[in-house]
Amino acid sequence: MRFTNIRMGGGIGQELGKYTKAYGFYRIALAPNEQKAWKGFFIGCWKPIREHGRYWWTWALPGTIYYLVYANAKEAHEKWRREKHH
């Protein structure tokens, strides 16, 4: 895509819409009756699940470590609370 400069466009007397001329725009589209409405829908739904499954350790391992630390801290707190009150 290429834009022409304002000074190259013809000077001060040009209309507002012609200050910049763009070259190289191409738009290709299908008519609505030529498109498949559900093409790739189920593959698109399955893809994030597959990607999360491939890198399970990036979300499962920190969560497991967090839970183990939390459970240990909760147990230690309960033990400390029982010792303090008896």
Protein backbone atom coordinates (compact mmCIF):
# COMPACT_ATOMS: atom_id res chain seq x y z
CA MET A 1 0.00 0.00 0.00
CA ARG A 2 1.33 3.40 -0.94
CA PHE A 3 0.12 6.88 0.00
CA THR A 4 0.88 9.98 -2.04
CA ASN A 5 2.03 13.11 -0.29
CA ILE A 6 -0.28 16.14 0.05
CA ARG A 7 2.18 18.33 -1.87
CA MET A 8 2.33 15.81 -4.71
CA GLY A 9 -1.46 15.66 -4.96
CA GLY A 10 -2.02 18.97 -6.74
CA GLY A 11 -1.75 21.74 -4.22
CA ILE A 12 -3.98 23.90 -2.08
CA GLY A 13 -7.14 23.82 -4.19
CA GLN A 14 -7.98 20.12 -3.83
CA GLU A 15 -11.10 18.82 -2.12
CA LEU A 16 -10.86 17.33 1.34
CA GLY A 17 -11.35 13.74 0.17
CA LYS A 18 -8.46 13.84 -2.28
CA TYR A 19 -5.63 14.90 0.04
CA THR A 20 -4.30 11.35 0.14
CA LYS A 21 -4.74 8.82 -2.59
CA ALA A 22 -4.18 5.20 -1.62
CA TYR A 23 -2.94 2.65 -4.11
CA GLY A 24 -2.69 -1.09 -3.58
CA PHE A 25 -5.98 -1.87 -1.82
CA TYR A 26 -7.44 -5.19 -2.92
CA ARG A 27 -10.64 -6.63 -1.49
CA ILE A 28 -11.76 -10.12 -2.35
CA ALA A 29 -15.02 -11.41 -0.90
CA LEU A 30 -17.45 -14.22 -1.49
CA ALA A 31 -21.15 -13.78 -1.79
CA PRO A 32 -23.12 -14.96 1.27
CA ASN A 33 -24.51 -17.94 -0.63
CA GLU A 34 -20.97 -19.10 -1.50
CA GLN A 35 -19.70 -19.24 2.10
CA LYS A 36 -19.92 -22.15 4.50
CA ALA A 37 -21.47 -20.93 7.74
CA TRP A 38 -20.01 -23.59 10.09
CA LYS A 39 -16.69 -24.18 8.33
CA GLY A 40 -13.99 -24.81 10.95
CA PHE A 41 -16.33 -24.17 13.90
CA PHE A 42 -15.70 -27.42 15.78
CA ILE A 43 -11.98 -27.40 15.01
CA GLY A 44 -11.87 -23.84 16.37
CA CYS A 45 -13.62 -24.95 19.57
CA TRP A 46 -11.28 -27.91 20.08
CA LYS A 47 -8.05 -25.98 19.40
CA PRO A 48 -7.82 -24.06 22.74
CA ILE A 49 -8.51 -27.25 24.70
CA ARG A 50 -5.78 -29.04 22.79
CA GLU A 51 -3.31 -26.19 23.34
CA HIS A 52 -4.03 -26.07 27.08
CA GLY A 53 -3.61 -29.82 27.24
CA ARG A 54 -0.26 -29.66 25.52
CA TYR A 55 1.14 -27.20 28.03
CA TRP A 56 -0.68 -28.53 31.11
CA TRP A 57 2.29 -27.93 33.38
CA THR A 58 2.07 -24.14 32.87
CA TRP A 59 -1.29 -23.99 34.64
CA ALA A 60 -1.56 -27.26 36.62
CA LEU A 61 1.84 -27.24 38.32
CA PRO A 62 1.59 -23.73 39.86
CA GLY A 63 -1.97 -24.45 40.97
CA THR A 64 -0.91 -27.70 42.62
CA ILE A 65 2.01 -26.04 44.39
CA TYR A 66 -0.26 -23.20 45.55
CA TYR A 67 -2.82 -25.67 46.93
CA LEU A 68 -0.18 -27.71 48.76
CA VAL A 69 1.29 -24.58 50.38
CA TYR A 70 -2.22 -23.36 51.28
CA ALA A 71 -3.26 -26.72 52.81
CA ASN A 72 -0.02 -26.95 54.79
CA ALA A 73 -0.38 -23.38 56.09
CA LYS A 74 -4.00 -23.98 57.05
CA GLU A 75 -3.08 -27.18 58.92
CA ALA A 76 -0.17 -25.46 60.71
CA HIS A 77 -2.44 -22.56 61.69
CA GLU A 78 -5.07 -24.92 63.12
CA LYS A 79 -2.39 -26.79 65.07
CA TRP A 80 -0.97 -23.50 66.42
CA ARG A 81 -4.47 -22.27 67.36
CA ARG A 82 -5.25 -25.49 69.28
CA GLU A 83 -1.92 -25.32 71.17
CA LYS A 84 -2.43 -21.66 72.04
CA HIS A 85 -5.91 -22.14 73.56
CA HIS A 86 -5.17 -25.32 75.56
